[in-house]
Amino acid sequence: MTTPARPPQAGTTSATGNAEVSVMEANRRLMEENRQLQEGMQTRARIDQAMGVVVALGGITPDEAWDLLREVSMNTNTKLRTVAEALVGWAAGGALPDDVRRALGAALGAREPT
């Protein structure tokens, strides 16, 4: 006659317990990766919108707009996505931070329209 299996006692780990922890950890990592990908897609869309604002404002090409956004970001010590959010918000009727406005004006003034 076989005896029923006993649950693991405190301080011991079963193979099933390890597998459950591994699945939970894999699930956690996948959820975090999914969150980061979604955030990246939203950030990229906002940067593309800001590039459109700069193209329309400065009469420059999209490649030049990308370079200009990077330049404004570096000159204001502000993350590119934050600069993009400010520009898109400004185009929608919001205020443009003074440092971004000054850096944008300087960068646009230094370029020849195409």
PDB file of N, CA and C in Angstrom:
ATOM      1  N   MET A   1       0.834  -1.156   0.000  1.00  0.00           N
ATOM      2  CA  MET A   1       0.000   0.000   0.000  1.00  0.00           C
ATOM      3  C   MET A   1       0.898   1.245   0.000  1.00  0.00           C
ATOM      4  N   THR A   2       0.557   2.217  -0.834  1.00  0.00           N
ATOM      5  CA  THR A   2       1.358   3.438  -0.903  1.00  0.00           C
ATOM      6  C   THR A   2       0.763   4.499   0.005  1.00  0.00           C
ATOM      7  N   THR A   3       1.634   5.315   0.521  1.00  0.00           N
ATOM      8  CA  THR A   3       1.161   6.391   1.388  1.00  0.00           C
ATOM      9  C   THR A   3       0.997   7.655   0.551  1.00  0.00           C
ATOM     10  N   PRO A   4       0.008   8.485   0.870  1.00  0.00           N
ATOM     11  CA  PRO A   4      -0.183   9.708   0.096  1.00  0.00           C
ATOM     12  C   PRO A   4       1.004  10.647   0.264  1.00  0.00           C
ATOM     13  N   ALA A   5       1.286  11.409  -0.794  1.00  0.00           N
ATOM     14  CA  ALA A   5       2.396  12.362  -0.758  1.00  0.00           C
ATOM     15  C   ALA A   5       2.057  13.483   0.211  1.00  0.00           C
ATOM     16  N   ARG A   6       3.040  13.863   0.969  1.00  0.00           N
ATOM     17  CA  ARG A   6       2.841  14.953   1.914  1.00  0.00           C
ATOM     18  C   ARG A   6       3.302  16.254   1.281  1.00  0.00           C
ATOM     19  N   PRO A   7       2.645  17.362   1.618  1.00  0.00           N
ATOM     20  CA  PRO A   7       3.112  18.655   1.093  1.00  0.00           C
ATOM     21  C   PRO A   7       4.487  18.974   1.661  1.00  0.00           C
ATOM     22  N   PRO A   8       5.288  19.720   0.909  1.00  0.00           N
ATOM     23  CA  PRO A   8       6.611  20.074   1.418  1.00  0.00           C
ATOM     24  C   PRO A   8       6.490  20.893   2.692  1.00  0.00           C
ATOM     25  N   GLN A   9       7.426  20.685   3.565  1.00  0.00           N
ATOM     26  CA  GLN A   9       7.428  21.427   4.820  1.00  0.00           C
ATOM     27  C   GLN A   9       8.115  22.763   4.618  1.00  0.00           C
ATOM     28  N   ALA A  10       7.879  23.649   5.539  1.00  0.00           N
ATOM     29  CA  ALA A  10       8.481  24.972   5.460  1.00  0.00           C
ATOM     30  C   ALA A  10       9.996  24.834   5.330  1.00  0.00           C
ATOM     31  N   GLY A  11      10.567  25.637   4.445  1.00  0.00           N
ATOM     32  CA  GLY A  11      12.009  25.610   4.258  1.00  0.00           C
ATOM     33  C   GLY A  11      12.454  24.638   3.184  1.00  0.00           C
ATOM     34  N   THR A  12      11.554  23.834   2.653  1.00  0.00           N
ATOM     35  CA  THR A  12      11.909  22.908   1.584  1.00  0.00           C
ATOM     36  C   THR A  12      11.244  23.380   0.308  1.00  0.00           C
ATOM     37  N   THR A  13      11.804  22.996  -0.822  1.00  0.00           N
ATOM     38  CA  THR A  13      11.267  23.396  -2.105  1.00  0.00           C
ATOM     39  C   THR A  13      11.015  22.150  -2.934  1.00  0.00           C
ATOM     40  N   SER A  14       9.860  22.117  -3.547  1.00  0.00           N
ATOM     41  CA  SER A  14       9.543  20.986  -4.413  1.00  0.00           C
ATOM     42  C   SER A  14       9.816  21.371  -5.864  1.00  0.00           C
ATOM     43  N   ALA A  15       9.907  20.391  -6.722  1.00  0.00           N
ATOM     44  CA  ALA A  15      10.110  20.650  -8.151  1.00  0.00           C
ATOM     45  C   ALA A  15       8.925  21.433  -8.700  1.00  0.00           C
ATOM     46  N   THR A  16       7.737  21.104  -8.241  1.00  0.00           N
ATOM     47  CA  THR A  16       6.545  21.826  -8.695  1.00  0.00           C
ATOM     48  C   THR A  16       6.614  23.280  -8.259  1.00  0.00           C
ATOM     49  N   GLY A  17       7.045  23.527  -7.055  1.00  0.00           N
ATOM     50  CA  GLY A  17       7.185  24.896  -6.554  1.00  0.00           C
ATOM     51  C   GLY A  17       8.179  25.695  -7.369  1.00  0.00           C
ATOM     52  N   ASN A  18       9.299  25.073  -7.733  1.00  0.00           N
ATOM     53  CA  ASN A  18      10.302  25.757  -8.566  1.00  0.00           C
ATOM     54  C   ASN A  18       9.727  26.089  -9.932  1.00  0.00           C
ATOM     55  N   ALA A  19       8.970  25.168 -10.507  1.00  0.00           N
ATOM     56  CA  ALA A  19       8.370  25.398 -11.827  1.00  0.00           C
ATOM     57  C   ALA A  19       7.376  26.550 -11.760  1.00  0.00           C
ATOM     58  N   GLU A  20       6.587  26.607 -10.698  1.00  0.00           N
ATOM     59  CA  GLU A  20       5.617  27.691 -10.544  1.00  0.00           C
ATOM     60  C   GLU A  20       6.314  29.039 -10.412  1.00  0.00           C
ATOM     61  N   VAL A  21       7.396  29.065  -9.657  1.00  0.00           N
ATOM     62  CA  VAL A  21       8.163  30.303  -9.504  1.00  0.00           C
ATOM     63  C   VAL A  21       8.741  30.711 -10.847  1.00  0.00           C
ATOM     64  N   SER A  22       9.263  29.757 -11.620  1.00  0.00           N
ATOM     65  CA  SER A  22       9.845  30.059 -12.933  1.00  0.00           C
ATOM     66  C   SER A  22       8.789  30.619 -13.881  1.00  0.00           C
ATOM     67  N   VAL A  23       7.598  30.037 -13.859  1.00  0.00           N
ATOM     68  CA  VAL A  23       6.512  30.519 -14.717  1.00  0.00           C
ATOM     69  C   VAL A  23       6.087  31.912 -14.289  1.00  0.00           C
ATOM     70  N   MET A  24       5.996  32.127 -12.997  1.00  0.00           N
ATOM     71  CA  MET A  24       5.616  33.457 -12.507  1.00  0.00           C
ATOM     72  C   MET A  24       6.667  34.500 -12.869  1.00  0.00           C
ATOM     73  N   GLU A  25       7.932  34.152 -12.759  1.00  0.00           N
ATOM     74  CA  GLU A  25       9.012  35.079 -13.101  1.00  0.00           C
ATOM     75  C   GLU A  25       9.007  35.363 -14.607  1.00  0.00           C
ATOM     76  N   ALA A  26       8.811  34.339 -15.422  1.00  0.00           N
ATOM     77  CA  ALA A  26       8.745  34.536 -16.875  1.00  0.00           C
ATOM     78  C   ALA A  26       7.561  35.435 -17.224  1.00  0.00           C
ATOM     79  N   ASN A  27       6.447  35.235 -16.574  1.00  0.00           N
ATOM     80  CA  ASN A  27       5.264  36.054 -16.813  1.00  0.00           C
ATOM     81  C   ASN A  27       5.537  37.507 -16.424  1.00  0.00           C
ATOM     82  N   ARG A  28       6.183  37.718 -15.296  1.00  0.00           N
ATOM     83  CA  ARG A  28       6.526  39.061 -14.850  1.00  0.00           C
ATOM     84  C   ARG A  28       7.442  39.756 -15.854  1.00  0.00           C
ATOM     85  N   ARG A  29       8.451  39.024 -16.340  1.00  0.00           N
ATOM     86  CA  ARG A  29       9.382  39.600 -17.321  1.00  0.00           C
ATOM     87  C   ARG A  29       8.667  39.953 -18.616  1.00  0.00           C
ATOM     88  N   LEU A  30       7.772  39.087 -19.068  1.00  0.00           N
ATOM     89  CA  LEU A  30       7.025  39.361 -20.300  1.00  0.00           C
ATOM     90  C   LEU A  30       6.101  40.564 -20.144  1.00  0.00           C
ATOM     91  N   MET A  31       5.476  40.686 -18.996  1.00  0.00           N
ATOM     92  CA  MET A  31       4.607  41.836 -18.755  1.00  0.00           C
ATOM     93  C   MET A  31       5.416  43.132 -18.745  1.00  0.00           C
ATOM     94  N   GLU A  32       6.601  43.114 -18.152  1.00  0.00           N
ATOM     95  CA  GLU A  32       7.467  44.292 -18.129  1.00  0.00           C
ATOM     96  C   GLU A  32       7.946  44.632 -19.538  1.00  0.00           C
ATOM     97  N   GLU A  33       8.326  43.634 -20.300  1.00  0.00           N
ATOM     98  CA  GLU A  33       8.756  43.868 -21.680  1.00  0.00           C
ATOM     99  C   GLU A  33       7.610  44.466 -22.496  1.00  0.00           C
ATOM    100  N   ASN A  34       6.418  43.959 -22.314  1.00  0.00           N
ATOM    101  CA  ASN A  34       5.241  44.475 -23.013  1.00  0.00           C
ATOM    102  C   ASN A  34       5.000  45.941 -22.654  1.00  0.00           C
ATOM    103  N   ARG A  35       5.114  46.282 -21.372  1.00  0.00           N
ATOM    104  CA  ARG A  35       4.941  47.655 -20.928  1.00  0.00           C
ATOM    105  C   ARG A  35       5.974  48.571 -21.578  1.00  0.00           C
ATOM    106  N   GLN A  36       7.227  48.113 -21.626  1.00  0.00           N
ATOM    107  CA  GLN A  36       8.297  48.918 -22.215  1.00  0.00           C
ATOM    108  C   GLN A  36       8.077  49.110 -23.717  1.00  0.00           C
ATOM    109  N   LEU A  37       7.623  48.073 -24.401  1.00  0.00           N
ATOM    110  CA  LEU A  37       7.358  48.188 -25.839  1.00  0.00           C
ATOM    111  C   LEU A  37       6.216  49.164 -26.110  1.00  0.00           C
ATOM    112  N   GLN A  38       5.172  49.092 -25.308  1.00  0.00           N
ATOM    113  CA  GLN A  38       4.057  50.022 -25.475  1.00  0.00           C
ATOM    114  C   GLN A  38       4.508  51.459 -25.240  1.00  0.00           C
ATOM    115  N   GLU A  39       5.300  51.669 -24.203  1.00  0.00           N
ATOM    116  CA  GLU A  39       5.818  53.000 -23.907  1.00  0.00           C
ATOM    117  C   GLU A  39       6.700  53.499 -25.050  1.00  0.00           C
ATOM    118  N   GLY A  40       7.516  52.610 -25.592  1.00  0.00           N
ATOM    119  CA  GLY A  40       8.379  52.977 -26.712  1.00  0.00           C
ATOM    120  C   GLY A  40       7.588  53.365 -27.945  1.00  0.00           C
ATOM    121  N   MET A  41       6.519  52.645 -28.213  1.00  0.00           N
ATOM    122  CA  MET A  41       5.683  52.979 -29.371  1.00  0.00           C
ATOM    123  C   MET A  41       5.023  54.345 -29.188  1.00  0.00           C
ATOM    124  N   GLN A  42       4.545  54.627 -27.994  1.00  0.00           N
ATOM    125  CA  GLN A  42       3.921  55.928 -27.728  1.00  0.00           C
ATOM    126  C   GLN A  42       4.951  57.050 -27.842  1.00  0.00           C
ATOM    127  N   THR A  43       6.145  56.817 -27.332  1.00  0.00           N
ATOM    128  CA  THR A  43       7.202  57.823 -27.403  1.00  0.00           C
ATOM    129  C   THR A  43       7.573  58.080 -28.853  1.00  0.00           C
ATOM    130  N   ARG A  44       7.709  57.022 -29.634  1.00  0.00           N
ATOM    131  CA  ARG A  44       8.082  57.186 -31.050  1.00  0.00           C
ATOM    132  C   ARG A  44       7.010  57.968 -31.809  1.00  0.00           C
ATOM    133  N   ALA A  45       5.754  57.687 -31.521  1.00  0.00           N
ATOM    134  CA  ALA A  45       4.671  58.425 -32.174  1.00  0.00           C
ATOM    135  C   ALA A  45       4.741  59.903 -31.816  1.00  0.00           C
ATOM    136  N   ARG A  46       5.022  60.218 -30.557  1.00  0.00           N
ATOM    137  CA  ARG A  46       5.098  61.611 -30.124  1.00  0.00           C
ATOM    138  C   ARG A  46       6.284  62.306 -30.793  1.00  0.00           C
ATOM    139  N   ILE A  47       7.402  61.613 -30.930  1.00  0.00           N
ATOM    140  CA  ILE A  47       8.568  62.191 -31.604  1.00  0.00           C
ATOM    141  C   ILE A  47       8.250  62.456 -33.072  1.00  0.00           C
ATOM    142  N   ASP A  48       7.560  61.520 -33.725  1.00  0.00           N
ATOM    143  CA  ASP A  48       7.168  61.722 -35.126  1.00  0.00           C
ATOM    144  C   ASP A  48       6.256  62.943 -35.269  1.00  0.00           C
ATOM    145  N   GLN A  49       5.330  63.124 -34.323  1.00  0.00           N
ATOM    146  CA  GLN A  49       4.442  64.288 -34.352  1.00  0.00           C
ATOM    147  C   GLN A  49       5.253  65.573 -34.180  1.00  0.00           C
ATOM    148  N   ALA A  50       6.197  65.559 -33.260  1.00  0.00           N
ATOM    149  CA  ALA A  50       7.039  66.737 -33.043  1.00  0.00           C
ATOM    150  C   ALA A  50       7.870  67.043 -34.282  1.00  0.00           C
ATOM    151  N   MET A  51       8.346  66.004 -34.942  1.00  0.00           N
ATOM    152  CA  MET A  51       9.091  66.217 -36.185  1.00  0.00           C
ATOM    153  C   MET A  51       8.194  66.915 -37.211  1.00  0.00           C
ATOM    154  N   GLY A  52       6.943  66.515 -37.278  1.00  0.00           N
ATOM    155  CA  GLY A  52       6.001  67.164 -38.190  1.00  0.00           C
ATOM    156  C   GLY A  52       5.814  68.631 -37.860  1.00  0.00           C
ATOM    157  N   VAL A  53       5.744  68.953 -36.587  1.00  0.00           N
ATOM    158  CA  VAL A  53       5.628  70.351 -36.158  1.00  0.00           C
ATOM    159  C   VAL A  53       6.847  71.134 -36.632  1.00  0.00           C
ATOM    160  N   VAL A  54       8.019  70.570 -36.432  1.00  0.00           N
ATOM    161  CA  VAL A  54       9.258  71.268 -36.805  1.00  0.00           C
ATOM    162  C   VAL A  54       9.377  71.385 -38.319  1.00  0.00           C
ATOM    163  N   VAL A  55       8.975  70.362 -39.060  1.00  0.00           N
ATOM    164  CA  VAL A  55       8.995  70.428 -40.530  1.00  0.00           C
ATOM    165  C   VAL A  55       8.102  71.577 -40.997  1.00  0.00           C
ATOM    166  N   ALA A  56       6.891  71.648 -40.450  1.00  0.00           N
ATOM    167  CA  ALA A  56       5.953  72.704 -40.845  1.00  0.00           C
ATOM    168  C   ALA A  56       6.444  74.082 -40.405  1.00  0.00           C
ATOM    169  N   LEU A  57       6.989  74.164 -39.219  1.00  0.00           N
ATOM    170  CA  LEU A  57       7.454  75.428 -38.665  1.00  0.00           C
ATOM    171  C   LEU A  57       8.680  75.958 -39.393  1.00  0.00           C
ATOM    172  N   GLY A  58       9.635  75.077 -39.663  1.00  0.00           N
ATOM    173  CA  GLY A  58      10.913  75.518 -40.206  1.00  0.00           C
ATOM    174  C   GLY A  58      11.110  75.310 -41.688  1.00  0.00           C
ATOM    175  N   GLY A  59      10.147  74.643 -42.340  1.00  0.00           N
ATOM    176  CA  GLY A  59      10.317  74.382 -43.769  1.00  0.00           C
ATOM    177  C   GLY A  59      11.533  73.524 -44.050  1.00  0.00           C
ATOM    178  N   ILE A  60      11.769  72.531 -43.204  1.00  0.00           N
ATOM    179  CA  ILE A  60      12.937  71.667 -43.347  1.00  0.00           C
ATOM    180  C   ILE A  60      12.473  70.230 -43.603  1.00  0.00           C
ATOM    181  N   THR A  61      13.412  69.365 -43.917  1.00  0.00           N
ATOM    182  CA  THR A  61      13.094  67.968 -44.197  1.00  0.00           C
ATOM    183  C   THR A  61      12.910  67.201 -42.880  1.00  0.00           C
ATOM    184  N   PRO A  62      12.263  66.036 -42.942  1.00  0.00           N
ATOM    185  CA  PRO A  62      12.144  65.216 -41.731  1.00  0.00           C
ATOM    186  C   PRO A  62      13.498  64.833 -41.132  1.00  0.00           C
ATOM    187  N   ASP A  63      14.482  64.542 -41.959  1.00  0.00           N
ATOM    188  CA  ASP A  63      15.813  64.220 -41.426  1.00  0.00           C
ATOM    189  C   ASP A  63      16.406  65.409 -40.681  1.00  0.00           C
ATOM    190  N   GLU A  64      16.233  66.599 -41.235  1.00  0.00           N
ATOM    191  CA  GLU A  64      16.720  67.795 -40.557  1.00  0.00           C
ATOM    192  C   GLU A  64      15.940  68.045 -39.265  1.00  0.00           C
ATOM    193  N   ALA A  65      14.639  67.738 -39.287  1.00  0.00           N
ATOM    194  CA  ALA A  65      13.821  67.908 -38.081  1.00  0.00           C
ATOM    195  C   ALA A  65      14.295  66.969 -36.977  1.00  0.00           C
ATOM    196  N   TRP A  66      14.652  65.746 -37.349  1.00  0.00           N
ATOM    197  CA  TRP A  66      15.171  64.784 -36.361  1.00  0.00           C
ATOM    198  C   TRP A  66      16.462  65.332 -35.734  1.00  0.00           C
ATOM    199  N   ASP A  67      17.370  65.804 -36.599  1.00  0.00           N
ATOM    200  CA  ASP A  67      18.626  66.362 -36.097  1.00  0.00           C
ATOM    201  C   ASP A  67      18.368  67.570 -35.199  1.00  0.00           C
ATOM    202  N   LEU A  68      17.413  68.417 -35.592  1.00  0.00           N
ATOM    203  CA  LEU A  68      17.098  69.595 -34.816  1.00  0.00           C
ATOM    204  C   LEU A  68      16.531  69.216 -33.445  1.00  0.00           C
ATOM    205  N   LEU A  69      15.643  68.226 -33.396  1.00  0.00           N
ATOM    206  CA  LEU A  69      15.093  67.780 -32.109  1.00  0.00           C
ATOM    207  C   LEU A  69      16.205  67.259 -31.196  1.00  0.00           C
ATOM    208  N   ARG A  70      17.124  66.506 -31.772  1.00  0.00           N
ATOM    209  CA  ARG A  70      18.252  66.001 -30.981  1.00  0.00           C
ATOM    210  C   ARG A  70      19.097  67.161 -30.459  1.00  0.00           C
ATOM    211  N   GLU A  71      19.315  68.144 -31.311  1.00  0.00           N
ATOM    212  CA  GLU A  71      20.106  69.311 -30.922  1.00  0.00           C
ATOM    213  C   GLU A  71      19.428  70.085 -29.785  1.00  0.00           C
ATOM    214  N   VAL A  72      18.124  70.301 -29.907  1.00  0.00           N
ATOM    215  CA  VAL A  72      17.390  71.008 -28.850  1.00  0.00           C
ATOM    216  C   VAL A  72      17.449  70.203 -27.555  1.00  0.00           C
ATOM    217  N   SER A  73      17.309  68.909 -27.668  1.00  0.00           N
ATOM    218  CA  SER A  73      17.377  68.037 -26.495  1.00  0.00           C
ATOM    219  C   SER A  73      18.733  68.168 -25.795  1.00  0.00           C
ATOM    220  N   MET A  74      19.790  68.104 -26.583  1.00  0.00           N
ATOM    221  CA  MET A  74      21.134  68.205 -26.004  1.00  0.00           C
ATOM    222  C   MET A  74      21.399  69.589 -25.413  1.00  0.00           C
ATOM    223  N   ASN A  75      20.979  70.635 -26.125  1.00  0.00           N
ATOM    224  CA  ASN A  75      21.258  71.996 -25.678  1.00  0.00           C
ATOM    225  C   ASN A  75      20.453  72.407 -24.451  1.00  0.00           C
ATOM    226  N   THR A  76      19.349  71.728 -24.212  1.00  0.00           N
ATOM    227  CA  THR A  76      18.532  72.046 -23.033  1.00  0.00           C
ATOM    228  C   THR A  76      18.707  71.001 -21.939  1.00  0.00           C
ATOM    229  N   ASN A  77      19.526  69.995 -22.222  1.00  0.00           N
ATOM    230  CA  ASN A  77      19.727  68.901 -21.271  1.00  0.00           C
ATOM    231  C   ASN A  77      18.380  68.297 -20.857  1.00  0.00           C
ATOM    232  N   THR A  78      17.536  68.075 -21.879  1.00  0.00           N
ATOM    233  CA  THR A  78      16.192  67.550 -21.694  1.00  0.00           C
ATOM    234  C   THR A  78      16.041  66.314 -22.561  1.00  0.00           C
ATOM    235  N   LYS A  79      15.394  65.298 -22.032  1.00  0.00           N
ATOM    236  CA  LYS A  79      15.189  64.086 -22.823  1.00  0.00           C
ATOM    237  C   LYS A  79      14.424  64.416 -24.097  1.00  0.00           C
ATOM    238  N   LEU A  80      14.789  63.724 -25.166  1.00  0.00           N
ATOM    239  CA  LEU A  80      14.170  63.960 -26.463  1.00  0.00           C
ATOM    240  C   LEU A  80      12.662  63.796 -26.390  1.00  0.00           C
ATOM    241  N   ARG A  81      12.190  62.778 -25.688  1.00  0.00           N
ATOM    242  CA  ARG A  81      10.744  62.564 -25.606  1.00  0.00           C
ATOM    243  C   ARG A  81      10.057  63.726 -24.883  1.00  0.00           C
ATOM    244  N   THR A  82      10.737  64.343 -23.927  1.00  0.00           N
ATOM    245  CA  THR A  82      10.165  65.485 -23.207  1.00  0.00           C
ATOM    246  C   THR A  82      10.094  66.702 -24.119  1.00  0.00           C
ATOM    247  N   VAL A  83      11.131  66.911 -24.926  1.00  0.00           N
ATOM    248  CA  VAL A  83      11.115  67.995 -25.912  1.00  0.00           C
ATOM    249  C   VAL A  83       9.974  67.766 -26.901  1.00  0.00           C
ATOM    250  N   ALA A  84       9.818  66.531 -27.359  1.00  0.00           N
ATOM    251  CA  ALA A  84       8.754  66.203 -28.308  1.00  0.00           C
ATOM    252  C   ALA A  84       7.383  66.460 -27.694  1.00  0.00           C
ATOM    253  N   GLU A  85       7.192  66.046 -26.461  1.00  0.00           N
ATOM    254  CA  GLU A  85       5.906  66.281 -25.789  1.00  0.00           C
ATOM    255  C   GLU A  85       5.621  67.772 -25.676  1.00  0.00           C
ATOM    256  N   ALA A  86       6.644  68.568 -25.361  1.00  0.00           N
ATOM    257  CA  ALA A  86       6.471  70.017 -25.237  1.00  0.00           C
ATOM    258  C   ALA A  86       6.075  70.631 -26.578  1.00  0.00           C
ATOM    259  N   LEU A  87       6.730  70.207 -27.652  1.00  0.00           N
ATOM    260  CA  LEU A  87       6.422  70.758 -28.979  1.00  0.00           C
ATOM    261  C   LEU A  87       5.018  70.391 -29.426  1.00  0.00           C
ATOM    262  N   VAL A  88       4.625  69.150 -29.213  1.00  0.00           N
ATOM    263  CA  VAL A  88       3.289  68.726 -29.614  1.00  0.00           C
ATOM    264  C   VAL A  88       2.237  69.450 -28.765  1.00  0.00           C
ATOM    265  N   GLY A  89       2.504  69.591 -27.490  1.00  0.00           N
ATOM    266  CA  GLY A  89       1.587  70.336 -26.629  1.00  0.00           C
ATOM    267  C   GLY A  89       1.479  71.790 -27.037  1.00  0.00           C
ATOM    268  N   TRP A  90       2.607  72.389 -27.403  1.00  0.00           N
ATOM    269  CA  TRP A  90       2.617  73.774 -27.857  1.00  0.00           C
ATOM    270  C   TRP A  90       1.808  73.923 -29.138  1.00  0.00           C
ATOM    271  N   ALA A  91       1.969  72.998 -30.082  1.00  0.00           N
ATOM    272  CA  ALA A  91       1.223  73.047 -31.341  1.00  0.00           C
ATOM    273  C   ALA A  91      -0.280  72.909 -31.101  1.00  0.00           C
ATOM    274  N   ALA A  92      -0.651  72.270 -30.002  1.00  0.00           N
ATOM    275  CA  ALA A  92      -2.067  72.097 -29.669  1.00  0.00           C
ATOM    276  C   ALA A  92      -2.593  73.250 -28.820  1.00  0.00           C
ATOM    277  N   GLY A  93      -1.785  74.296 -28.629  1.00  0.00           N
ATOM    278  CA  GLY A  93      -2.252  75.463 -27.910  1.00  0.00           C
ATOM    279  C   GLY A  93      -1.651  75.650 -26.539  1.00  0.00           C
ATOM    280  N   GLY A  94      -0.721  74.799 -26.169  1.00  0.00           N
ATOM    281  CA  GLY A  94      -0.089  74.920 -24.860  1.00  0.00           C
ATOM    282  C   GLY A  94       1.098  75.864 -24.890  1.00  0.00           C
ATOM    283  N   ALA A  95       1.763  75.939 -23.770  1.00  0.00           N
ATOM    284  CA  ALA A  95       2.938  76.803 -23.651  1.00  0.00           C
ATOM    285  C   ALA A  95       4.205  75.994 -23.926  1.00  0.00           C
ATOM    286  N   LEU A  96       5.178  76.641 -24.522  1.00  0.00           N
ATOM    287  CA  LEU A  96       6.470  76.015 -24.787  1.00  0.00           C
ATOM    288  C   LEU A  96       7.447  76.503 -23.725  1.00  0.00           C
ATOM    289  N   PRO A  97       8.108  75.586 -23.020  1.00  0.00           N
ATOM    290  CA  PRO A  97       9.076  76.020 -22.005  1.00  0.00           C
ATOM    291  C   PRO A  97      10.112  76.963 -22.614  1.00  0.00           C
ATOM    292  N   ASP A  98      10.514  77.968 -21.840  1.00  0.00           N
ATOM    293  CA  ASP A  98      11.437  78.993 -22.338  1.00  0.00           C
ATOM    294  C   ASP A  98      12.732  78.409 -22.893  1.00  0.00           C
ATOM    295  N   ASP A  99      13.335  77.457 -22.184  1.00  0.00           N
ATOM    296  CA  ASP A  99      14.604  76.903 -22.661  1.00  0.00           C
ATOM    297  C   ASP A  99      14.429  76.170 -23.988  1.00  0.00           C
ATOM    298  N   VAL A 100      13.330  75.462 -24.153  1.00  0.00           N
ATOM    299  CA  VAL A 100      13.065  74.760 -25.412  1.00  0.00           C
ATOM    300  C   VAL A 100      12.790  75.781 -26.516  1.00  0.00           C
ATOM    301  N   ARG A 101      12.027  76.825 -26.198  1.00  0.00           N
ATOM    302  CA  ARG A 101      11.729  77.864 -27.188  1.00  0.00           C
ATOM    303  C   ARG A 101      13.008  78.529 -27.681  1.00  0.00           C
ATOM    304  N   ARG A 102      13.888  78.884 -26.746  1.00  0.00           N
ATOM    305  CA  ARG A 102      15.153  79.534 -27.136  1.00  0.00           C
ATOM    306  C   ARG A 102      16.025  78.602 -27.982  1.00  0.00           C
ATOM    307  N   ALA A 103      16.164  77.348 -27.555  1.00  0.00           N
ATOM    308  CA  ALA A 103      17.006  76.393 -28.285  1.00  0.00           C
ATOM    309  C   ALA A 103      16.424  76.088 -29.662  1.00  0.00           C
ATOM    310  N   LEU A 104      15.108  75.993 -29.736  1.00  0.00           N
ATOM    311  CA  LEU A 104      14.444  75.741 -31.019  1.00  0.00           C
ATOM    312  C   LEU A 104      14.657  76.922 -31.963  1.00  0.00           C
ATOM    313  N   GLY A 105      14.470  78.134 -31.448  1.00  0.00           N
ATOM    314  CA  GLY A 105      14.691  79.333 -32.273  1.00  0.00           C
ATOM    315  C   GLY A 105      16.119  79.417 -32.785  1.00  0.00           C
ATOM    316  N   ALA A 106      17.076  79.135 -31.918  1.00  0.00           N
ATOM    317  CA  ALA A 106      18.489  79.188 -32.314  1.00  0.00           C
ATOM    318  C   ALA A 106      18.795  78.120 -33.359  1.00  0.00           C
ATOM    319  N   ALA A 107      18.259  76.920 -33.154  1.00  0.00           N
ATOM    320  CA  ALA A 107      18.538  75.821 -34.088  1.00  0.00           C
ATOM    321  C   ALA A 107      17.891  76.084 -35.439  1.00  0.00           C
ATOM    322  N   LEU A 108      16.666  76.600 -35.421  1.00  0.00           N
ATOM    323  CA  LEU A 108      15.998  76.913 -36.694  1.00  0.00           C
ATOM    324  C   LEU A 108      16.685  78.079 -37.401  1.00  0.00           C
ATOM    325  N   GLY A 109      17.129  79.060 -36.643  1.00  0.00           N
ATOM    326  CA  GLY A 109      17.809  80.214 -37.246  1.00  0.00           C
ATOM    327  C   GLY A 109      19.136  79.854 -37.880  1.00  0.00           C
ATOM    328  N   ALA A 110      19.750  78.787 -37.431  1.00  0.00           N
ATOM    329  CA  ALA A 110      21.033  78.371 -37.968  1.00  0.00           C
ATOM    330  C   ALA A 110      20.917  77.505 -39.209  1.00  0.00           C
ATOM    331  N   ARG A 111      19.684  77.173 -39.602  1.00  0.00           N
ATOM    332  CA  ARG A 111      19.474  76.290 -40.762  1.00  0.00           C
ATOM    333  C   ARG A 111      18.905  77.073 -41.934  1.00  0.00           C
ATOM    334  N   GLU A 112      19.257  76.594 -43.098  1.00  0.00           N
ATOM    335  CA  GLU A 112      18.688  77.122 -44.337  1.00  0.00           C
ATOM    336  C   GLU A 112      17.461  76.295 -44.681  1.00  0.00           C
ATOM    337  N   PRO A 113      16.301  76.908 -44.941  1.00  0.00           N
ATOM    338  CA  PRO A 113      15.126  76.120 -45.337  1.00  0.00           C
ATOM    339  C   PRO A 113      15.372  75.421 -46.660  1.00  0.00           C
ATOM    340  N   THR A 114      14.765  74.218 -46.783  1.00  0.00           N
ATOM    341  CA  THR A 114      14.917  73.460 -48.031  1.00  0.00           C
ATOM    342  C   THR A 114      13.705  73.601 -48.905  1.00  0.00           C
TER     343      THR A 114
END
